[in-house]
C-alpha cells in the first residue's frame, strides 16, 4: 500500500461506521469495471473452500474478528 493510501486509510478509519460502510461499498463497486470478475470470484471461492477444509479438518481454529481488527489497526498505525 502506498504512503498516500495509508494516510487516507487512517483518515477514513476516523469516519462514522455509516460513512465507512458507504465508502467501502463504493470502493468495491469501483472494482466491477474489471473484465476478469469471474476469475476474481473463482479465486475467492477457492480460498473460502481451502479455509473451510482446514477448519473442518481441525488444522485451523480461525482467529476472532476483534483480534484481527486490532492487529490490522496496529499494522496501519505502525506505517
Protein backbone atom coordinates (compact mmCIF):
# COMPACT_ATOMS: atom_id res chain seq x y z
CA UNK A 1 0.00 0.00 0.00
CA UNK A 2 1.37 3.39 -0.92
CA UNK A 3 2.06 6.05 1.68
CA UNK A 4 -0.78 8.12 0.27
CA UNK A 5 -3.19 5.19 0.61
CA UNK A 6 -2.07 4.54 4.20
CA UNK A 7 -2.62 8.18 5.13
CA UNK A 8 -6.04 8.10 3.52
CA UNK A 9 -6.91 4.90 5.39
CA UNK A 10 -6.02 6.49 8.71
CA UNK A 11 -8.38 9.38 7.93
CA UNK A 12 -11.14 7.06 6.75
CA UNK A 13 -10.96 4.95 9.92
CA UNK A 14 -11.97 8.07 11.86
CA UNK A 15 -15.28 8.36 9.96
CA UNK A 16 -18.58 7.10 11.34
CA UNK A 17 -19.42 3.47 10.73
CA UNK A 18 -22.15 4.53 8.30
CA UNK A 19 -19.74 6.65 6.25
CA UNK A 20 -17.11 3.88 6.26
CA UNK A 21 -19.67 1.31 5.11
CA UNK A 22 -20.86 3.57 2.29
CA UNK A 23 -17.29 4.31 1.25
CA UNK A 24 -16.40 0.60 1.32
CA UNK A 25 -19.39 -0.21 -0.87
CA UNK A 26 -18.40 2.46 -3.37
CA UNK A 27 -14.81 1.20 -3.47
CA UNK A 28 -15.96 -2.38 -4.02
CA UNK A 29 -18.35 -1.27 -6.75
CA UNK A 30 -15.47 0.51 -8.47
CA UNK A 31 -13.76 -2.87 -8.89
CA UNK A 32 -16.64 -4.12 -11.03
CA UNK A 33 -15.07 -2.48 -14.07
CA UNK A 34 -12.56 -5.32 -14.38
CA UNK A 35 -13.30 -7.84 -17.12
CA UNK A 36 -11.94 -10.75 -15.13
CA UNK A 37 -14.54 -10.63 -12.33
CA UNK A 38 -15.23 -14.31 -12.90
CA UNK A 39 -11.56 -15.03 -12.20
CA UNK A 40 -11.74 -12.97 -9.02
CA UNK A 41 -14.92 -14.71 -7.86
CA UNK A 42 -13.38 -18.09 -8.64
CA UNK A 43 -10.26 -17.23 -6.67
CA UNK A 44 -12.36 -16.13 -3.67
CA UNK A 45 -14.46 -19.29 -3.86
CA UNK A 46 -11.32 -21.45 -3.94
CA UNK A 47 -9.84 -19.58 -0.95
CA UNK A 48 -13.05 -19.93 1.06
CA UNK A 49 -13.14 -23.65 0.26
CA UNK A 50 -9.48 -24.06 1.28
CA UNK A 51 -10.08 -22.29 4.59
CA UNK A 52 -13.26 -24.22 5.32
CA UNK A 53 -11.49 -27.53 4.70
CA UNK A 54 -8.70 -26.55 7.12
CA UNK A 55 -11.24 -25.72 9.83
CA UNK A 56 -13.22 -28.91 9.26
CA UNK A 57 -10.01 -30.97 9.36
CA UNK A 58 -9.06 -29.36 12.67
CA UNK A 59 -5.97 -27.72 11.16
CA UNK A 60 -7.18 -24.21 11.96
CA UNK A 61 -9.49 -22.78 14.55
CA UNK A 62 -9.56 -19.34 12.99
CA UNK A 63 -8.94 -16.01 14.64
CA UNK A 64 -11.63 -13.88 16.28
CA UNK A 65 -12.54 -10.78 14.24
CA UNK A 66 -11.75 -8.48 17.17
CA UNK A 67 -8.18 -9.79 17.28
CA UNK A 68 -7.70 -9.47 13.53
CA UNK A 69 -9.15 -5.94 13.52
CA UNK A 70 -6.82 -4.80 16.28
CA UNK A 71 -3.81 -6.36 14.56
CA UNK A 72 -4.69 -4.63 11.29
CA UNK A 73 -5.17 -1.28 13.01
CA UNK A 74 -1.84 -1.70 14.73
CA UNK A 75 -0.13 -2.52 11.43
CA UNK A 76 -1.61 0.55 9.77
CA UNK A 77 -0.58 2.82 12.63
CA UNK A 78 3.00 1.49 12.57
CA UNK A 79 3.45 2.52 8.92
